N, C-alpha and C. Protein backbone atom coordinates (compact mmCIF):
# COMPACT_ATOMS: atom_id res chain seq x y z
N MET A 1 19.82 51.21 53.20
CA MET A 1 19.78 49.67 52.62
C MET A 1 20.90 49.28 51.65
N THR A 2 21.58 48.36 51.96
CA THR A 2 23.28 48.48 51.30
C THR A 2 22.72 47.51 49.91
N GLY A 3 23.30 47.60 48.92
CA GLY A 3 23.21 46.34 47.82
C GLY A 3 23.97 45.31 48.18
N ASN A 4 24.06 44.38 47.12
CA ASN A 4 24.83 43.28 46.89
C ASN A 4 26.39 43.68 46.96
N PRO A 5 27.30 43.31 47.60
CA PRO A 5 28.85 44.26 47.11
C PRO A 5 29.23 43.36 45.46
N PRO A 6 30.12 44.01 44.93
CA PRO A 6 30.52 43.61 43.79
C PRO A 6 31.21 42.54 43.85
N LEU A 7 31.17 41.44 42.51
CA LEU A 7 32.10 40.48 42.52
C LEU A 7 33.34 40.73 42.45
N SER A 8 34.26 39.75 43.07
CA SER A 8 35.51 39.95 43.19
C SER A 8 36.38 39.67 41.51
N PRO A 9 37.38 40.15 40.74
CA PRO A 9 37.52 40.06 39.55
C PRO A 9 37.65 38.52 39.12
N TYR A 10 37.94 37.68 40.42
CA TYR A 10 37.98 36.01 40.02
C TYR A 10 36.76 35.68 40.09
N ALA A 11 35.62 35.86 40.75
CA ALA A 11 34.31 35.44 40.86
C ALA A 11 33.82 36.04 39.48
N ALA A 12 34.33 37.20 39.18
CA ALA A 12 33.79 37.40 37.93
C ALA A 12 33.85 36.76 36.71
N ARG A 13 35.27 36.14 36.46
CA ARG A 13 35.73 35.72 35.47
C ARG A 13 34.88 34.26 35.52
N MET A 14 34.84 34.07 36.19
CA MET A 14 34.39 32.09 36.95
C MET A 14 32.94 32.35 36.32
N THR A 15 32.27 33.59 36.67
CA THR A 15 30.91 33.35 36.31
C THR A 15 30.66 33.64 34.78
N ARG A 16 31.35 34.17 34.06
CA ARG A 16 31.58 34.67 32.85
C ARG A 16 32.13 33.12 32.06
N LEU A 17 32.89 32.38 32.63
CA LEU A 17 33.44 31.13 32.15
C LEU A 17 32.18 30.02 32.05
N HIS A 18 31.34 30.24 33.15
CA HIS A 18 30.35 29.36 33.60
C HIS A 18 29.06 29.72 32.72
N ASP A 19 29.07 30.61 32.30
CA ASP A 19 27.69 30.99 31.37
C ASP A 19 28.13 30.59 29.83
N HIS A 20 29.63 30.95 29.70
CA HIS A 20 29.90 30.42 28.53
C HIS A 20 30.12 29.00 27.84
N GLN A 21 30.23 28.57 29.04
CA GLN A 21 30.37 26.56 28.91
C GLN A 21 28.90 26.58 28.79
N GLY A 22 27.92 27.10 29.58
CA GLY A 22 26.82 26.77 29.18
C GLY A 22 26.21 26.64 28.01
N GLY A 23 26.43 27.84 27.62
CA GLY A 23 25.89 28.27 26.38
C GLY A 23 26.53 27.47 25.29
N ALA A 24 27.71 26.94 25.12
CA ALA A 24 28.27 26.19 24.53
C ALA A 24 27.57 24.80 24.66
N LEU A 25 27.59 24.03 25.40
CA LEU A 25 26.68 22.80 25.69
C LEU A 25 25.43 22.96 25.58
N THR A 26 24.71 24.00 25.63
CA THR A 26 23.55 23.92 25.12
C THR A 26 23.51 23.97 23.34
N LYS A 27 24.19 24.75 22.64
CA LYS A 27 24.81 24.70 21.24
C LYS A 27 24.79 23.29 20.76
N VAL A 28 25.56 22.65 21.67
CA VAL A 28 26.09 21.06 21.06
C VAL A 28 24.84 20.16 21.02
N LEU A 29 24.44 20.31 22.38
CA LEU A 29 22.92 19.29 22.35
C LEU A 29 22.14 19.86 21.47
N ALA A 30 21.66 21.03 20.71
CA ALA A 30 20.77 21.27 19.88
C ALA A 30 21.42 20.93 18.57
N THR A 31 22.62 20.77 18.68
CA THR A 31 23.28 20.44 16.93
C THR A 31 22.79 18.99 17.22
N LEU A 32 23.49 18.12 17.60
CA LEU A 32 23.15 16.83 18.12
C LEU A 32 22.05 16.58 17.99
N LEU A 33 21.07 17.25 18.56
CA LEU A 33 19.36 16.97 18.50
C LEU A 33 18.84 16.70 17.03
N VAL A 34 19.32 18.28 16.54
CA VAL A 34 19.12 18.01 15.19
C VAL A 34 19.84 17.42 13.87
N LEU A 35 20.99 16.61 13.94
CA LEU A 35 21.40 15.85 13.45
C LEU A 35 20.70 14.35 13.57
N ALA A 36 20.30 14.08 14.76
CA ALA A 36 19.90 12.98 14.96
C ALA A 36 18.18 12.95 14.47
N LEU A 37 17.48 13.94 13.83
CA LEU A 37 16.19 14.20 13.63
C LEU A 37 16.63 13.83 12.00
N LEU A 38 17.60 14.68 11.50
CA LEU A 38 18.05 14.49 10.13
C LEU A 38 17.97 12.97 9.49
N ALA A 39 18.89 12.56 10.62
CA ALA A 39 19.56 11.04 10.46
C ALA A 39 18.08 10.23 10.63
N SER A 40 17.38 10.35 11.02
CA SER A 40 15.88 9.54 11.26
C SER A 40 15.06 9.55 9.93
N ALA A 41 14.91 10.78 9.68
CA ALA A 41 14.28 11.45 8.52
C ALA A 41 14.70 11.15 7.49
N ALA A 42 16.12 11.01 7.16
CA ALA A 42 16.87 10.45 5.92
C ALA A 42 16.44 8.69 6.01
N LEU A 43 16.92 8.39 7.06
CA LEU A 43 16.66 6.64 7.27
C LEU A 43 15.21 6.24 6.99
N PHE A 44 14.08 7.03 7.17
CA PHE A 44 12.67 6.74 6.84
C PHE A 44 12.72 6.96 5.62
N VAL A 45 13.17 7.91 4.94
CA VAL A 45 12.92 8.14 3.61
C VAL A 45 13.63 6.92 2.74
N TYR A 46 14.70 6.79 3.16
CA TYR A 46 15.24 5.54 2.33
C TYR A 46 14.65 4.23 2.51
N THR A 47 14.21 3.68 3.78
CA THR A 47 13.59 3.00 4.04
C THR A 47 12.53 2.62 2.97
N ARG A 48 11.34 3.47 3.15
CA ARG A 48 10.18 3.73 2.62
C ARG A 48 10.13 3.66 0.95
N SER A 49 11.55 3.85 0.30
CA SER A 49 11.57 3.94 -1.14
C SER A 49 12.67 2.57 -1.54
N GLN A 50 12.80 1.48 -0.57
CA GLN A 50 13.38 0.41 -0.95
C GLN A 50 12.33 -0.72 -0.97
N ASP A 51 12.41 -1.62 -1.92
CA ASP A 51 11.67 -3.05 -2.04
C ASP A 51 12.71 -4.13 -1.47
N PRO A 52 13.26 -4.42 -0.32
CA PRO A 52 14.01 -5.31 -0.19
C PRO A 52 14.08 -6.74 -0.29
N LEU A 53 12.69 -7.00 -0.39
CA LEU A 53 12.08 -8.37 -0.13
C LEU A 53 11.95 -9.06 -1.68
N ALA A 54 12.63 -10.27 -1.86
CA ALA A 54 11.98 -10.94 -3.05
C ALA A 54 11.85 -12.63 -2.83
N LEU A 55 11.19 -13.18 -3.75
CA LEU A 55 11.11 -14.38 -4.00
C LEU A 55 11.93 -15.49 -4.36
N GLY A 56 11.83 -16.57 -3.94
CA GLY A 56 12.67 -17.66 -4.71
C GLY A 56 12.24 -17.95 -5.82
N VAL A 57 13.15 -18.71 -6.55
CA VAL A 57 12.83 -18.88 -8.02
C VAL A 57 11.43 -20.12 -8.18
N ASP A 58 11.47 -20.76 -7.21
CA ASP A 58 10.42 -21.81 -6.79
C ASP A 58 9.33 -21.72 -6.09
N ALA A 59 8.08 -22.28 -6.47
CA ALA A 59 6.92 -22.19 -5.63
C ALA A 59 6.13 -23.13 -5.82
N PHE A 60 5.64 -23.70 -4.65
CA PHE A 60 4.66 -24.87 -4.97
C PHE A 60 3.33 -24.68 -4.41
N VAL A 61 2.18 -25.79 -4.96
CA VAL A 61 1.20 -24.81 -4.70
C VAL A 61 0.21 -26.50 -4.03
N GLY A 62 -0.24 -26.42 -2.90
CA GLY A 62 -1.32 -27.38 -2.15
C GLY A 62 -2.58 -26.96 -2.32
N TYR A 63 -3.50 -27.54 -2.04
CA TYR A 63 -5.21 -27.56 -2.07
C TYR A 63 -5.71 -28.24 -0.90
N ASN A 64 -6.69 -27.98 -0.07
CA ASN A 64 -7.33 -28.55 0.66
C ASN A 64 -8.41 -29.59 0.28
N ALA A 65 -9.10 -30.32 0.93
CA ALA A 65 -10.14 -31.54 0.29
C ALA A 65 -11.02 -30.72 -0.55
N ALA A 66 -11.87 -29.67 -0.08
CA ALA A 66 -12.74 -28.40 -0.92
C ALA A 66 -12.12 -28.30 -2.37
N LEU A 67 -11.24 -28.47 -2.36
CA LEU A 67 -10.54 -28.04 -3.86
C LEU A 67 -9.82 -29.34 -4.48
N ALA A 68 -10.45 -30.52 -4.05
CA ALA A 68 -9.55 -31.56 -4.91
C ALA A 68 -9.45 -31.56 -6.51
N ASP A 69 -10.81 -31.06 -6.64
CA ASP A 69 -10.92 -31.11 -8.69
C ASP A 69 -10.56 -29.60 -8.29
N HIS A 70 -8.89 -29.33 -8.87
CA HIS A 70 -8.57 -28.28 -9.01
C HIS A 70 -7.82 -28.69 -10.53
N GLY A 71 -8.47 -29.18 -11.44
CA GLY A 71 -7.56 -29.36 -13.05
C GLY A 71 -6.51 -30.11 -13.04
N THR A 72 -5.66 -29.67 -14.02
CA THR A 72 -4.33 -30.62 -14.12
C THR A 72 -3.05 -29.73 -13.28
N PRO A 73 -2.05 -30.68 -13.02
CA PRO A 73 -1.47 -30.36 -12.52
C PRO A 73 -0.37 -29.02 -13.09
N THR A 74 -0.48 -28.95 -14.71
CA THR A 74 0.57 -28.15 -15.30
C THR A 74 -0.57 -26.91 -15.58
N ASP A 75 -1.80 -26.79 -15.53
CA ASP A 75 -2.69 -25.75 -15.53
C ASP A 75 -3.86 -25.87 -14.63
N PRO A 76 -3.60 -25.86 -13.18
CA PRO A 76 -4.70 -25.67 -12.46
C PRO A 76 -5.90 -24.67 -12.65
N LEU A 77 -6.91 -25.27 -12.08
CA LEU A 77 -7.96 -24.05 -12.06
C LEU A 77 -8.99 -24.22 -10.89
N VAL A 78 -9.40 -23.35 -10.10
CA VAL A 78 -10.40 -23.87 -9.16
C VAL A 78 -11.41 -22.79 -9.31
N THR A 79 -12.35 -23.24 -8.44
CA THR A 79 -13.48 -22.47 -8.34
C THR A 79 -14.05 -21.91 -6.86
N LEU A 80 -14.66 -21.18 -6.87
CA LEU A 80 -14.72 -20.25 -5.41
C LEU A 80 -15.64 -21.27 -4.57
N GLU A 81 -15.35 -22.08 -3.62
CA GLU A 81 -15.82 -22.96 -2.59
C GLU A 81 -15.62 -22.17 -1.24
N PRO A 82 -17.05 -22.32 -0.35
CA PRO A 82 -16.94 -21.51 0.83
C PRO A 82 -15.69 -22.24 1.64
N ASN A 83 -15.25 -23.33 1.74
CA ASN A 83 -14.30 -23.82 2.59
C ASN A 83 -12.76 -24.04 1.89
N GLY A 84 -12.65 -23.64 0.70
CA GLY A 84 -11.64 -23.91 -0.65
C GLY A 84 -10.29 -23.17 0.17
N GLN A 85 -9.39 -23.85 0.28
CA GLN A 85 -7.75 -23.38 0.58
C GLN A 85 -7.15 -23.57 -0.14
N ILE A 86 -6.08 -22.44 -0.70
CA ILE A 86 -4.63 -22.95 -1.51
C ILE A 86 -3.78 -22.48 -0.73
N TYR A 87 -2.89 -23.22 -0.71
CA TYR A 87 -1.34 -23.17 0.16
C TYR A 87 -0.19 -22.88 -1.05
N VAL A 88 0.39 -22.43 -1.03
CA VAL A 88 1.94 -21.65 -1.49
C VAL A 88 3.00 -21.58 -0.56
N ALA A 89 3.70 -22.47 -0.78
CA ALA A 89 5.48 -22.84 -0.29
C ALA A 89 6.11 -22.00 -0.94
N THR A 90 6.94 -21.20 -0.42
CA THR A 90 8.21 -20.13 -1.46
C THR A 90 9.23 -19.81 -0.41
N THR A 91 10.24 -19.34 -0.96
CA THR A 91 11.05 -18.82 -0.29
C THR A 91 11.24 -17.39 -0.47
N VAL A 92 11.42 -16.40 0.93
CA VAL A 92 11.72 -15.02 0.63
C VAL A 92 13.15 -14.85 1.27
N ARG A 93 13.68 -14.12 0.67
CA ARG A 93 14.86 -13.16 0.80
C ARG A 93 15.09 -11.77 1.23
N ASN A 94 16.17 -11.53 1.61
CA ASN A 94 16.45 -9.82 1.88
C ASN A 94 17.64 -9.52 0.85
N ASP A 95 17.17 -9.05 0.00
CA ASP A 95 17.99 -8.52 -1.29
C ASP A 95 18.66 -7.13 -0.85
N GLY A 96 18.08 -6.28 0.38
CA GLY A 96 18.41 -4.80 0.24
C GLY A 96 19.65 -4.73 1.07
N THR A 97 19.89 -3.90 1.35
CA THR A 97 21.43 -3.57 2.30
C THR A 97 21.17 -3.24 3.59
N LEU A 98 20.17 -3.59 4.25
CA LEU A 98 19.72 -3.16 5.97
C LEU A 98 18.93 -4.36 5.96
N PRO A 99 19.14 -4.96 7.31
CA PRO A 99 18.17 -6.02 8.03
C PRO A 99 16.35 -5.48 7.95
N VAL A 100 15.92 -6.71 7.83
CA VAL A 100 14.30 -6.40 7.98
C VAL A 100 13.77 -7.31 8.86
N THR A 101 12.67 -7.00 9.27
CA THR A 101 11.90 -8.13 9.93
C THR A 101 10.73 -8.29 9.55
N ILE A 102 10.17 -9.34 9.05
CA ILE A 102 9.02 -9.82 8.38
C ILE A 102 8.13 -9.86 9.67
N THR A 103 6.77 -9.15 9.69
CA THR A 103 5.98 -9.27 10.43
C THR A 103 4.32 -9.76 10.33
N GLY A 104 4.42 -9.85 9.05
CA GLY A 104 3.20 -10.73 8.92
C GLY A 104 2.50 -10.32 7.51
N LEU A 105 1.16 -10.84 7.40
CA LEU A 105 0.56 -10.18 5.84
C LEU A 105 0.21 -9.18 5.93
N GLY A 106 0.27 -8.19 4.76
CA GLY A 106 -0.21 -7.04 4.62
C GLY A 106 -1.58 -7.11 3.36
N GLN A 107 -2.31 -6.35 3.57
CA GLN A 107 -3.45 -6.35 2.78
C GLN A 107 -3.15 -5.74 1.16
N SER A 108 -3.48 -7.06 0.37
CA SER A 108 -3.36 -7.00 -1.05
C SER A 108 -4.01 -5.78 -1.78
N PRO A 109 -3.95 -5.55 -2.99
CA PRO A 109 -4.73 -4.47 -3.75
C PRO A 109 -6.21 -5.10 -4.14
N ASN A 110 -7.02 -4.62 -4.20
CA ASN A 110 -8.38 -4.96 -4.71
C ASN A 110 -8.92 -6.27 -4.16
N ASP A 111 -8.73 -6.54 -2.86
CA ASP A 111 -9.13 -7.64 -1.96
C ASP A 111 -10.49 -7.78 -1.88
N ASP A 112 -11.26 -6.76 -2.12
CA ASP A 112 -12.78 -6.88 -2.39
C ASP A 112 -13.33 -7.51 -3.29
N GLN A 113 -12.57 -7.66 -4.62
CA GLN A 113 -13.04 -8.27 -5.85
C GLN A 113 -12.30 -9.70 -5.95
N THR A 114 -11.62 -9.99 -5.17
CA THR A 114 -10.71 -11.14 -5.20
C THR A 114 -11.37 -12.61 -4.61
N PRO A 115 -11.75 -13.41 -5.51
CA PRO A 115 -11.99 -14.68 -4.75
C PRO A 115 -11.45 -15.38 -4.05
N TYR A 116 -10.21 -15.30 -3.99
CA TYR A 116 -9.16 -16.29 -2.64
C TYR A 116 -8.29 -15.05 -2.28
N ILE A 117 -7.93 -14.79 -1.16
CA ILE A 117 -7.10 -13.95 -0.68
C ILE A 117 -6.19 -14.55 0.74
N PRO A 118 -5.12 -14.07 0.68
CA PRO A 118 -4.03 -14.59 1.79
C PRO A 118 -4.73 -14.34 3.00
N VAL A 119 -5.01 -15.36 3.97
CA VAL A 119 -5.16 -14.92 5.23
C VAL A 119 -4.12 -15.35 6.07
N GLU A 120 -3.32 -16.27 6.13
CA GLU A 120 -2.15 -16.73 7.07
C GLU A 120 -0.91 -16.82 6.61
N LEU A 121 0.05 -16.71 7.33
CA LEU A 121 1.63 -16.76 7.01
C LEU A 121 2.17 -17.73 7.99
N HIS A 122 2.69 -18.65 7.74
CA HIS A 122 3.18 -19.76 8.12
C HIS A 122 5.01 -19.81 7.78
N LEU A 123 5.86 -20.23 8.88
CA LEU A 123 7.24 -20.55 8.69
C LEU A 123 7.47 -21.94 8.11
N GLY A 124 8.23 -22.21 7.39
CA GLY A 124 8.04 -23.95 6.62
C GLY A 124 9.32 -24.05 5.87
N ASP A 125 9.82 -24.83 5.13
CA ASP A 125 10.89 -25.31 4.69
C ASP A 125 10.97 -24.71 3.13
N GLY A 126 9.77 -23.97 2.71
CA GLY A 126 9.76 -23.41 1.33
C GLY A 126 9.25 -24.03 0.09
N LYS A 127 9.20 -25.36 0.62
CA LYS A 127 8.95 -27.00 -0.60
C LYS A 127 7.73 -27.33 0.07
N THR A 128 7.06 -27.55 1.46
CA THR A 128 6.01 -28.11 1.39
C THR A 128 4.57 -27.23 1.47
N ALA A 129 3.67 -27.84 0.30
CA ALA A 129 2.56 -26.90 0.54
C ALA A 129 1.59 -27.42 1.25
N ASN A 130 1.55 -27.19 2.54
CA ASN A 130 0.75 -28.15 3.32
C ASN A 130 0.99 -27.64 4.60
N PRO A 131 -0.15 -26.95 5.45
CA PRO A 131 0.27 -26.50 6.75
C PRO A 131 0.63 -27.34 7.73
N ALA A 132 0.65 -28.89 7.23
CA ALA A 132 1.10 -29.95 8.43
C ALA A 132 2.62 -29.61 8.57
N GLY A 133 3.34 -28.99 7.60
CA GLY A 133 4.83 -28.84 7.23
C GLY A 133 5.27 -27.68 7.62
N SER A 134 4.67 -27.03 8.64
CA SER A 134 5.23 -25.73 8.64
C SER A 134 4.63 -25.42 10.23
N THR A 135 4.94 -24.39 10.72
CA THR A 135 4.96 -24.12 12.16
C THR A 135 3.20 -23.85 12.35
N SER A 136 2.80 -23.94 13.49
CA SER A 136 1.52 -23.95 13.62
C SER A 136 0.81 -22.25 13.49
N GLY A 137 1.83 -21.23 13.74
CA GLY A 137 1.71 -19.73 13.87
C GLY A 137 2.30 -18.98 13.15
N PHE A 138 2.80 -17.80 13.15
CA PHE A 138 3.65 -17.09 12.70
C PHE A 138 4.42 -15.77 13.70
N GLN A 139 6.18 -15.90 13.60
CA GLN A 139 6.33 -15.40 14.91
C GLN A 139 7.17 -14.56 13.94
N SER A 140 7.65 -13.40 14.02
CA SER A 140 8.14 -12.18 13.29
C SER A 140 9.54 -12.87 13.23
N ALA A 141 10.23 -12.44 11.88
CA ALA A 141 11.48 -13.30 11.61
C ALA A 141 12.31 -12.39 10.82
N LYS A 142 13.58 -11.93 11.48
CA LYS A 142 14.45 -11.22 11.09
C LYS A 142 15.58 -11.77 10.00
N LEU A 143 15.90 -10.89 8.79
CA LEU A 143 16.58 -11.11 7.79
C LEU A 143 17.33 -10.20 7.60
N ASN A 144 18.85 -10.85 7.85
CA ASN A 144 19.74 -9.84 7.75
C ASN A 144 20.14 -9.93 5.76
N PRO A 145 20.74 -8.60 5.33
CA PRO A 145 21.03 -8.81 4.14
C PRO A 145 21.56 -10.08 3.55
N GLY A 146 20.94 -10.75 2.19
CA GLY A 146 21.29 -11.68 2.03
C GLY A 146 21.09 -12.97 2.20
N THR A 147 20.32 -12.91 3.15
CA THR A 147 19.47 -13.97 3.95
C THR A 147 18.00 -14.23 3.30
N GLY A 148 17.53 -15.53 3.80
CA GLY A 148 16.13 -15.86 3.42
C GLY A 148 15.64 -17.03 4.13
N ILE A 149 14.12 -17.11 4.27
CA ILE A 149 13.59 -18.17 4.89
C ILE A 149 12.43 -18.74 4.22
N GLY A 150 12.13 -19.71 4.45
CA GLY A 150 10.95 -20.37 3.97
C GLY A 150 9.62 -20.01 4.86
N ILE A 151 8.45 -19.87 3.85
CA ILE A 151 7.21 -19.40 4.33
C ILE A 151 6.28 -20.18 3.67
N LEU A 152 4.95 -20.59 4.03
CA LEU A 152 3.78 -21.13 3.66
C LEU A 152 2.80 -20.01 3.73
N VAL A 153 1.84 -19.72 2.52
CA VAL A 153 0.66 -18.54 2.70
C VAL A 153 -0.23 -19.26 2.27
N VAL A 154 -1.26 -19.20 3.25
CA VAL A 154 -2.79 -19.96 3.03
C VAL A 154 -3.73 -19.34 2.31
N PHE A 155 -4.33 -19.08 1.38
CA PHE A 155 -5.35 -18.41 0.50
C PHE A 155 -6.50 -18.99 1.16
N ALA A 156 -7.67 -18.19 0.99
CA ALA A 156 -8.86 -19.00 1.56
C ALA A 156 -9.98 -17.96 0.82
N ALA A 157 -11.26 -18.69 0.67
CA ALA A 157 -12.26 -17.92 0.30
C ALA A 157 -12.50 -16.57 0.86
N ASN A 158 -12.94 -15.34 0.22
CA ASN A 158 -12.72 -13.94 0.52
C ASN A 158 -14.50 -13.86 1.24
N PRO A 159 -14.27 -13.50 2.24
CA PRO A 159 -15.73 -13.43 3.14
C PRO A 159 -16.43 -12.27 2.79
N ASN A 160 -15.36 -11.17 2.51
CA ASN A 160 -15.95 -9.59 2.17
C ASN A 160 -15.82 -9.57 0.72
N LEU A 161 -15.78 -10.69 -0.42
CA LEU A 161 -16.30 -10.42 -1.72
C LEU A 161 -17.38 -9.33 -2.22
N ILE A 162 -17.49 -8.75 -2.91
CA ILE A 162 -18.73 -7.85 -3.11
C ILE A 162 -19.52 -8.70 -4.39
N CYS A 163 -20.41 -9.32 -4.26
CA CYS A 163 -21.32 -10.36 -4.82
C CYS A 163 -21.80 -9.50 -6.03
N SER A 164 -21.98 -7.92 -5.70
CA SER A 164 -22.87 -7.34 -6.78
C SER A 164 -21.94 -7.11 -8.21
N VAL A 165 -20.31 -7.58 -8.36
CA VAL A 165 -19.86 -7.05 -9.22
C VAL A 165 -20.04 -8.51 -10.25
N PHE A 166 -20.46 -9.52 -9.66
CA PHE A 166 -20.35 -10.68 -10.35
C PHE A 166 -21.85 -10.89 -11.33
N THR A 167 -22.36 -11.55 -12.39
CA THR A 167 -23.55 -12.12 -12.93
C THR A 167 -23.66 -13.54 -12.81
N ASP A 168 -24.90 -13.31 -13.19
CA ASP A 168 -25.33 -14.89 -12.81
C ASP A 168 -24.96 -15.98 -13.73
N THR A 169 -24.49 -15.85 -14.98
CA THR A 169 -23.88 -16.39 -15.67
C THR A 169 -22.07 -16.64 -15.62
N SER A 170 -21.72 -16.08 -14.72
CA SER A 170 -20.31 -16.05 -14.43
C SER A 170 -19.62 -15.32 -15.94
N GLU A 171 -19.80 -14.11 -16.07
CA GLU A 171 -19.51 -14.02 -17.35
C GLU A 171 -18.06 -12.99 -17.24
N GLY A 172 -17.15 -13.01 -18.13
CA GLY A 172 -15.89 -12.20 -17.73
C GLY A 172 -14.72 -12.95 -17.26
N SER A 173 -13.48 -12.35 -17.54
CA SER A 173 -12.24 -13.41 -17.04
C SER A 173 -12.41 -13.28 -15.32
N GLY A 174 -11.25 -14.83 -15.17
CA GLY A 174 -11.20 -14.89 -13.53
C GLY A 174 -10.04 -14.30 -13.23
N THR A 175 -9.56 -14.77 -12.05
CA THR A 175 -8.42 -14.02 -11.27
C THR A 175 -7.24 -15.21 -11.47
N GLU A 176 -6.06 -14.81 -10.80
CA GLU A 176 -5.25 -15.75 -10.79
C GLU A 176 -4.31 -15.67 -9.23
N ILE A 177 -3.69 -16.63 -8.81
CA ILE A 177 -3.14 -16.76 -7.12
C ILE A 177 -1.25 -16.63 -8.21
N ARG A 178 -0.94 -15.44 -7.75
CA ARG A 178 0.61 -15.20 -7.85
C ARG A 178 1.41 -14.49 -7.00
N SER A 179 0.55 -13.54 -6.46
CA SER A 179 0.92 -12.58 -5.28
C SER A 179 0.75 -12.50 -4.00
N PHE A 180 1.19 -11.84 -3.04
CA PHE A 180 0.69 -11.47 -1.70
C PHE A 180 1.67 -10.83 -1.37
N THR A 181 1.33 -9.88 -0.21
CA THR A 181 1.76 -8.79 0.27
C THR A 181 2.20 -9.24 1.82
N LEU A 182 3.72 -8.89 2.18
CA LEU A 182 4.18 -9.09 3.30
C LEU A 182 4.65 -7.55 4.33
N LYS A 183 4.41 -7.31 5.21
CA LYS A 183 4.43 -6.44 6.35
C LYS A 183 5.82 -6.82 6.62
N TYR A 184 6.79 -5.58 6.83
CA TYR A 184 8.06 -5.98 7.36
C TYR A 184 8.32 -4.26 8.09
N THR A 185 9.32 -4.64 8.93
CA THR A 185 10.13 -3.27 9.52
C THR A 185 11.19 -3.39 9.34
N THR A 186 12.16 -2.02 9.29
CA THR A 186 13.71 -1.90 9.32
C THR A 186 14.09 -0.83 10.15
N TYR A 187 14.47 -1.26 10.99
CA TYR A 187 15.16 -0.44 12.30
C TYR A 187 13.92 0.27 12.89
N GLY A 188 12.72 -0.70 13.03
CA GLY A 188 11.54 -0.11 13.58
C GLY A 188 10.56 0.63 12.64
N ILE A 189 10.68 0.80 11.37
CA ILE A 189 10.06 1.77 10.75
C ILE A 189 9.03 0.56 9.73
N PRO A 190 7.96 0.64 9.97
CA PRO A 190 7.17 0.25 8.97
C PRO A 190 6.82 -0.04 7.45
N ASP A 191 6.81 -0.99 6.95
CA ASP A 191 6.46 -1.01 5.23
C ASP A 191 5.88 -2.30 4.99
N SER A 192 5.39 -2.16 3.72
CA SER A 192 4.83 -3.58 3.21
C SER A 192 5.37 -3.32 1.89
N GLN A 193 5.29 -4.78 1.38
CA GLN A 193 5.62 -4.94 -0.11
C GLN A 193 4.97 -6.09 -1.02
N THR A 194 4.33 -5.71 -1.76
CA THR A 194 3.80 -6.96 -2.44
C THR A 194 4.25 -7.36 -3.63
N LEU A 195 4.38 -8.90 -3.06
CA LEU A 195 5.54 -9.92 -4.16
C LEU A 195 4.86 -10.85 -5.22
N ASP A 196 5.15 -11.08 -5.98
CA ASP A 196 4.85 -11.73 -6.86
C ASP A 196 5.92 -12.76 -7.79
N VAL A 197 5.22 -14.14 -7.92
CA VAL A 197 6.11 -15.09 -8.20
C VAL A 197 6.42 -15.01 -9.75
N GLY A 198 5.77 -14.31 -10.57
CA GLY A 198 6.31 -14.11 -11.84
C GLY A 198 5.54 -14.86 -13.03
N ARG A 199 4.76 -15.66 -12.22
CA ARG A 199 4.14 -16.70 -13.15
C ARG A 199 2.53 -17.06 -12.32
N THR A 200 1.41 -17.56 -13.09
CA THR A 200 0.31 -17.79 -12.56
C THR A 200 0.27 -18.93 -11.77
N LEU A 201 0.24 -19.20 -10.63
CA LEU A 201 0.53 -20.58 -10.08
C LEU A 201 -1.23 -21.39 -9.97
N VAL A 202 -2.14 -20.42 -9.64
CA VAL A 202 -3.63 -21.16 -9.78
C VAL A 202 -4.40 -20.27 -10.49
N SER A 203 -5.21 -20.62 -11.56
CA SER A 203 -6.30 -19.37 -11.78
C SER A 203 -7.45 -20.21 -11.15
N VAL A 204 -8.21 -19.00 -11.09
CA VAL A 204 -9.47 -18.93 -10.34
C VAL A 204 -10.48 -18.35 -10.96
N ALA A 205 -11.71 -19.36 -11.49
CA ALA A 205 -12.66 -18.86 -12.69
C ALA A 205 -13.52 -18.01 -11.68
N ARG A 206 -14.13 -16.99 -12.83
CA ARG A 206 -15.01 -15.97 -12.03
C ARG A 206 -16.11 -16.49 -11.78
N PRO A 207 -16.38 -16.09 -9.97
CA PRO A 207 -17.79 -16.85 -9.95
C PRO A 207 -18.99 -16.22 -10.13
N THR A 208 -19.93 -16.88 -10.17
CA THR A 208 -21.39 -16.10 -10.23
C THR A 208 -22.04 -15.73 -9.17
N ARG A 209 -23.32 -14.74 -8.80
CA ARG A 209 -23.43 -13.97 -8.06
C ARG A 209 -23.96 -15.14 -7.19
N ALA A 210 -24.78 -15.64 -7.74
CA ALA A 210 -25.20 -16.58 -6.47
C ALA A 210 -24.16 -17.62 -5.69
N GLY A 211 -23.13 -17.99 -6.47
CA GLY A 211 -22.13 -18.66 -5.76
C GLY A 211 -21.20 -17.40 -4.78
N CYS A 212 -21.28 -16.49 -4.96
CA CYS A 212 -20.39 -15.55 -4.38
C CYS A 212 -21.44 -15.38 -3.15
N GLU A 213 -22.59 -15.31 -3.36
CA GLU A 213 -23.63 -15.19 -2.02
C GLU A 213 -23.56 -16.23 -0.88
N GLN A 214 -23.26 -17.45 -1.77
CA GLN A 214 -23.47 -18.67 -1.10
C GLN A 214 -21.87 -18.68 -0.05
N THR A 215 -21.22 -18.27 -0.71
CA THR A 215 -19.93 -18.22 0.15
C THR A 215 -19.55 -17.21 1.12
N THR A 216 -20.20 -15.82 0.74
CA THR A 216 -20.01 -15.22 2.08
C THR A 216 -21.07 -14.84 2.73
N GLY A 217 -22.12 -15.64 2.34
CA GLY A 217 -23.61 -15.52 3.04
C GLY A 217 -23.89 -14.30 3.26
N GLY A 218 -23.67 -13.58 2.30
CA GLY A 218 -24.63 -12.26 1.69
C GLY A 218 -26.20 -12.13 0.76
């Protein structure tokens, strides 16, 4: 049985060249993959360490009929009502260096102990504290660096409020309406940021246990 004939010098050189080029291409592709992974990791760390969103100087407050009795304009005070709603109109801008896309409301800290929580986000003019002056629903909004949009945040009675933390005589201090959390993405990387107006917009009296149970049905 005869074996394969030996390669000619030319064929041998071409085979070695092909193997060398193939190995070089593999190395280049592997290097590019590693660089892409490092760049993605760096972008993820950078975006998650930033707080690019900021609120405008002005914020405007409105109420629905259930909270018609809300104290004075300079010192508003509301109580927990089953159908109570508070409207906050303001502007949010991107003070970061990368474009962001606002995707909706995020969960605020201590939601289960806060009588009124943010439940809806609308686009608006940043001044009209009434849902009638805003969009009927929220669509993702892209903000390039240095740009901003008007929004309306709807606060409503918290259906998951823990009534056991309250007493029958409403002892203790109440809460404040002054902040909310927005979800956003940067180049597809999700994150959230809690935004504080910098002052109390509305004071909320501490509810009684009975008032809490009436509101939550618990």
